Amino acid sequence: MVIRSKQMTMMEEAYNAAFQDEMVQHLWQFSPSLCKAIGDPGVRSVVSLGITRANKYGLTYRGPVRSYLETMLAFGSDFDTDFQYPWAAEALNENFPTQMERATRLFEGVSKYYESAMGPDNEFGIAAMRRFTSMRPEDFVTGTGSLDTRITSALRRMYPQKCDYVGDAVLARLVEKGRAAAKLHSMPGDAPIGLFAGLMFGFGHGVENDPLYPWVRRTLDDPLLATPQDRAARLLDKVTVYARTVLANIDKG
């Protein structure tokens, strides 16, 4: 029997669709609280993006792609370029003989981070998320000293374990990225800088355009929010609702 190119294309498309469905199902099992927060369409969008990016790094087998997607959920869709997690870029860009070795190195980096910054049963991260839900935009910039000092102090109050893990140089870069984001979105004042730095710290440096957190971009682009203060307040409200939803799902088990 001769299999024509059109048939091959159809078979490949069917396989790809089935593989995506499998990965969607896996992510719902891996992180049900986060998946509930973004819904099935959001999960499918993340899976599609993640498979494409994993393939870019030569990860095509089921196990390595699954590990890549899991890391996206844990560290943000742009974890592969996030300066908070240099071990990720090192693992993905290193010229290992096989993709399984690359995936293993990535898993080792994730494991070390969880041990240092998340704690047993993710208790450090969950506690930090709970503290975040009680914060206001101005809470990121209160205190004494320079703006950079006040923002990094707020991050340390929110999540001391991660701050110890990433170090002062990374915290300083987060403030600079927060400053650049506030300028890009025409949001003057100190509070937006602290808010953006906090969002990147908590949800990854690409949070502004991350399909895991679509409400961030929608809020920034909302024409009904007339002032920068309105956008900052609504952005924090949206992310707080998200965090509370995740926490409620965790509490339900």
Protein backbone atom coordinates (compact mmCIF):
# COMPACT_ATOMS: atom_id res chain seq x y z
CA MET A 1 0.00 0.00 0.00
CA VAL A 2 1.33 3.44 -0.95
CA ILE A 3 0.77 6.20 1.58
CA ARG A 4 0.53 9.50 -0.22
CA SER A 5 1.86 12.79 1.11
CA LYS A 6 -1.66 14.06 1.86
CA GLN A 7 -2.36 10.97 3.94
CA MET A 8 0.95 11.43 5.76
CA THR A 9 0.01 15.01 6.54
CA MET A 10 -3.37 13.93 7.88
CA MET A 11 -1.76 11.25 10.04
CA GLU A 12 0.76 13.73 11.39
CA GLU A 13 -1.96 16.28 12.19
CA ALA A 14 -4.01 13.61 13.96
CA TYR A 15 -0.96 12.56 16.00
CA ASN A 16 -0.17 16.18 16.94
CA ALA A 17 -3.76 16.81 18.01
CA ALA A 18 -3.78 13.66 20.13
CA PHE A 19 -0.44 14.60 21.69
CA GLN A 20 -1.73 18.08 22.57
CA ASP A 21 -4.85 16.55 24.13
CA GLU A 22 -2.64 14.25 26.19
CA MET A 23 -0.52 17.16 27.41
CA VAL A 24 -3.61 19.22 28.30
CA GLN A 25 -4.91 16.33 30.37
CA HIS A 26 -1.54 15.93 32.04
CA LEU A 27 -1.35 19.61 33.04
CA TRP A 28 -4.81 19.41 34.59
CA GLN A 29 -3.47 16.56 36.72
CA PHE A 30 -0.14 18.28 37.39
CA SER A 31 -1.56 21.63 38.58
CA PRO A 32 -5.36 21.54 38.87
CA SER A 33 -5.49 24.77 40.87
CA LEU A 34 -3.70 26.80 38.20
CA CYS A 35 -5.61 25.13 35.35
CA LYS A 36 -8.93 25.89 37.03
CA ALA A 37 -7.90 29.54 37.26
CA ILE A 38 -7.23 29.92 33.51
CA GLY A 39 -9.73 27.37 32.17
CA ASP A 40 -9.37 24.73 29.47
CA PRO A 41 -8.90 27.21 26.57
CA GLY A 42 -6.06 28.84 28.49
CA VAL A 43 -4.44 25.49 29.22
CA ARG A 44 -4.63 24.56 25.53
CA SER A 45 -3.02 27.85 24.57
CA VAL A 46 -0.17 27.21 27.00
CA VAL A 47 0.30 23.66 25.72
CA SER A 48 0.48 24.83 22.11
CA LEU A 49 3.05 27.50 23.00
CA GLY A 50 5.03 25.12 25.19
CA ILE A 51 5.29 22.38 22.57
CA THR A 52 6.54 24.91 20.02
CA ARG A 53 9.16 26.27 22.41
CA ALA A 54 10.24 22.83 23.61
CA ASN A 55 10.76 21.77 19.99
CA LYS A 56 12.97 24.84 19.50
CA TYR A 57 15.33 23.38 22.11
CA GLY A 58 15.25 19.95 20.47
CA LEU A 59 12.77 18.49 22.97
CA THR A 60 10.34 16.34 20.98
CA TYR A 61 9.86 13.17 23.03
CA ARG A 62 6.87 12.85 25.32
CA GLY A 63 8.82 12.99 28.60
CA PRO A 64 11.00 16.03 27.82
CA VAL A 65 8.07 18.00 26.39
CA ARG A 66 6.01 17.18 29.46
CA SER A 67 8.83 18.40 31.71
CA TYR A 68 9.08 21.63 29.72
CA LEU A 69 5.35 22.27 30.11
CA GLU A 70 5.47 21.55 33.84
CA THR A 71 8.30 24.05 34.22
CA MET A 72 6.26 26.67 32.37
CA LEU A 73 3.43 26.30 34.86
CA ALA A 74 5.81 26.56 37.79
CA PHE A 75 7.98 29.48 36.61
CA GLY A 76 6.05 31.26 33.84
CA SER A 77 5.88 30.66 30.11
CA ASP A 78 9.13 32.59 29.54
CA PHE A 79 11.15 30.69 32.14
CA ASP A 80 13.68 29.73 29.46
CA THR A 81 14.89 33.35 29.23
CA ASP A 82 14.20 34.45 32.80
CA PHE A 83 17.31 35.77 34.58
CA GLN A 84 15.81 34.59 37.88
CA TYR A 85 16.42 31.00 36.75
CA PRO A 86 19.76 30.90 34.87
CA TRP A 87 19.95 27.14 35.29
CA ALA A 88 17.02 26.78 32.88
CA ALA A 89 18.77 28.51 29.98
CA GLU A 90 21.96 26.58 30.75
CA ALA A 91 20.15 23.24 30.63
CA LEU A 92 18.22 24.03 27.46
CA ASN A 93 21.11 25.55 25.52
CA GLU A 94 23.87 23.16 26.57
CA ASN A 95 24.98 20.83 23.79
CA PHE A 96 24.04 17.56 25.49
CA PRO A 97 24.24 14.39 23.39
CA THR A 98 20.53 13.61 23.85
CA GLN A 99 17.37 15.51 24.63
CA MET A 100 16.76 13.22 27.60
CA GLU A 101 19.97 14.52 29.19
CA ARG A 102 18.84 18.09 28.55
CA ALA A 103 15.48 17.38 30.17
CA THR A 104 17.21 15.70 33.12
CA ARG A 105 19.42 18.74 33.69
CA LEU A 106 16.33 20.99 33.58
CA PHE A 107 14.58 18.76 36.13
CA GLU A 108 17.62 18.93 38.40
CA GLY A 109 17.49 22.73 38.33
CA VAL A 110 13.80 22.73 39.17
CA SER A 111 14.37 20.29 42.03
CA LYS A 112 17.15 22.39 43.57
CA TYR A 113 14.99 25.51 43.34
CA TYR A 114 12.04 23.80 45.01
CA GLU A 115 14.24 22.50 47.79
CA SER A 116 15.71 25.94 48.51
CA ALA A 117 12.86 28.34 47.75
CA MET A 118 9.59 26.41 47.95
CA GLY A 119 10.13 24.23 51.00
CA PRO A 120 8.34 21.03 52.03
CA ASP A 121 4.98 20.69 50.22
CA ASN A 122 5.58 24.13 48.65
CA GLU A 123 4.84 25.77 52.00
CA PHE A 124 7.17 28.76 51.43
CA GLY A 125 5.63 29.56 48.06
CA ILE A 126 2.07 29.19 49.32
CA ALA A 127 2.80 31.43 52.30
CA ALA A 128 4.28 34.05 49.95
CA MET A 129 1.18 33.94 47.77
CA ARG A 130 -1.00 34.47 50.83
CA ARG A 131 1.06 37.50 51.82
CA PHE A 132 0.80 38.84 48.27
CA THR A 133 -3.01 38.73 48.36
CA SER A 134 -3.04 41.26 51.21
CA MET A 135 -0.74 43.77 49.52
CA ARG A 136 -1.68 47.08 47.87
CA PRO A 137 0.33 48.82 45.11
CA GLU A 138 1.80 51.26 47.62
CA ASP A 139 2.94 48.39 49.86
CA PHE A 140 5.67 47.60 47.34
CA VAL A 141 7.30 51.00 47.84
CA THR A 142 6.73 51.91 51.50
CA GLY A 143 9.53 52.25 54.03
CA THR A 144 12.77 54.19 54.10
CA GLY A 145 15.72 54.48 51.76
CA SER A 146 15.90 54.60 47.98
CA LEU A 147 13.09 53.28 45.81
CA ASP A 148 15.18 50.25 44.89
CA THR A 149 15.78 49.50 48.55
CA ARG A 150 12.10 49.86 49.41
CA ILE A 151 10.99 47.54 46.60
CA THR A 152 13.53 44.84 47.37
CA SER A 153 12.61 45.08 51.06
CA ALA A 154 8.96 44.53 50.15
CA LEU A 155 9.90 41.48 48.07
CA ARG A 156 11.87 40.11 51.00
CA ARG A 157 8.90 40.59 53.31
CA MET A 158 6.68 38.79 50.83
CA TYR A 159 8.98 35.88 49.95
CA PRO A 160 12.26 35.79 51.92
CA GLN A 161 13.24 32.29 50.81
CA LYS A 162 13.14 33.11 47.12
CA CYS A 163 14.99 36.38 47.70
CA ASP A 164 17.77 34.48 49.43
CA TYR A 165 17.85 32.02 46.54
CA VAL A 166 18.06 34.54 43.67
CA GLY A 167 20.28 37.06 45.46
CA ASP A 168 20.56 40.85 45.52
CA ALA A 169 21.78 41.25 41.93
CA VAL A 170 18.68 39.56 40.55
CA LEU A 171 16.41 41.64 42.78
CA ALA A 172 18.07 44.79 41.46
CA ARG A 173 17.43 43.64 37.89
CA LEU A 174 13.79 43.02 38.73
CA VAL A 175 13.45 46.61 39.90
CA GLU A 176 15.01 47.84 36.67
CA LYS A 177 12.63 45.71 34.63
CA GLY A 178 9.74 47.01 36.72
CA ARG A 179 10.88 50.55 35.99
CA ALA A 180 11.05 49.81 32.25
CA ALA A 181 7.59 48.21 32.25
CA ALA A 182 6.03 51.13 34.12
CA LYS A 183 7.54 53.54 31.58
CA LEU A 184 6.41 51.40 28.63
CA HIS A 185 2.83 51.43 29.87
CA SER A 186 2.88 55.14 30.76
CA MET A 187 2.37 54.51 34.47
CA PRO A 188 4.36 57.18 36.36
CA GLY A 189 5.18 57.15 40.05
CA ASP A 190 6.83 54.69 42.37
CA ALA A 191 3.95 52.27 43.00
CA PRO A 192 3.70 50.89 39.42
CA ILE A 193 7.44 50.18 39.39
CA GLY A 194 7.10 48.16 42.57
CA LEU A 195 3.98 46.42 41.30
CA PHE A 196 5.61 45.32 38.03
CA ALA A 197 8.72 44.15 39.87
CA GLY A 198 6.50 42.15 42.22
CA LEU A 199 4.54 40.58 39.37
CA MET A 200 7.72 39.54 37.57
CA PHE A 201 9.16 38.21 40.81
CA GLY A 202 6.07 36.13 41.52
CA PHE A 203 4.95 35.07 38.05
CA GLY A 204 7.99 35.34 35.77
CA HIS A 205 9.69 38.13 33.87
CA GLY A 206 7.33 37.71 30.89
CA VAL A 207 4.16 38.13 32.93
CA GLU A 208 2.94 41.06 30.81
CA ASN A 209 2.29 38.75 27.84
CA ASP A 210 2.05 35.33 29.46
CA PRO A 211 -0.96 33.19 28.39
CA LEU A 212 -0.93 31.77 31.90
CA TYR A 213 -2.03 35.21 33.10
CA PRO A 214 -4.09 36.74 30.24
CA TRP A 215 -5.79 39.28 32.50
CA VAL A 216 -2.51 41.14 32.91
CA ARG A 217 -2.37 42.17 29.24
CA ARG A 218 -6.13 42.77 29.11
CA THR A 219 -5.92 45.12 32.07
CA LEU A 220 -2.96 47.02 30.68
CA ASP A 221 -4.81 47.52 27.39
CA ASP A 222 -8.25 48.27 28.86
CA PRO A 223 -9.44 51.60 27.37
CA LEU A 224 -11.97 52.05 30.16
CA LEU A 225 -9.20 52.48 32.74
CA ALA A 226 -8.52 56.15 32.20
CA THR A 227 -5.60 56.79 34.53
CA PRO A 228 -2.35 54.97 35.39
CA GLN A 229 -3.57 54.71 38.98
CA ASP A 230 -6.73 52.96 37.77
CA ARG A 231 -4.70 50.46 35.74
CA ALA A 232 -2.33 49.75 38.63
CA ALA A 233 -5.19 49.23 41.08
CA ARG A 234 -7.15 47.02 38.67
CA LEU A 235 -4.07 45.01 37.78
CA LEU A 236 -3.38 44.24 41.41
CA ASP A 237 -7.06 43.38 41.94
CA LYS A 238 -7.02 40.95 39.02
CA VAL A 239 -3.86 39.20 40.11
CA THR A 240 -5.07 39.08 43.70
CA VAL A 241 -8.28 37.39 42.57
CA TYR A 242 -6.20 34.91 40.60
CA ALA A 243 -3.95 34.18 43.58
CA ARG A 244 -6.93 33.73 45.88
CA THR A 245 -8.53 31.37 43.38
CA VAL A 246 -5.38 29.26 43.27
CA LEU A 247 -5.14 29.25 47.05
CA ALA A 248 -8.80 28.28 47.42
CA ASN A 249 -8.26 25.36 45.05
CA ILE A 250 -5.18 24.31 47.02
CA ASP A 251 -7.13 24.48 50.27
CA LYS A 252 -9.86 22.29 48.76
CA GLY A 253 -7.21 19.75 47.88
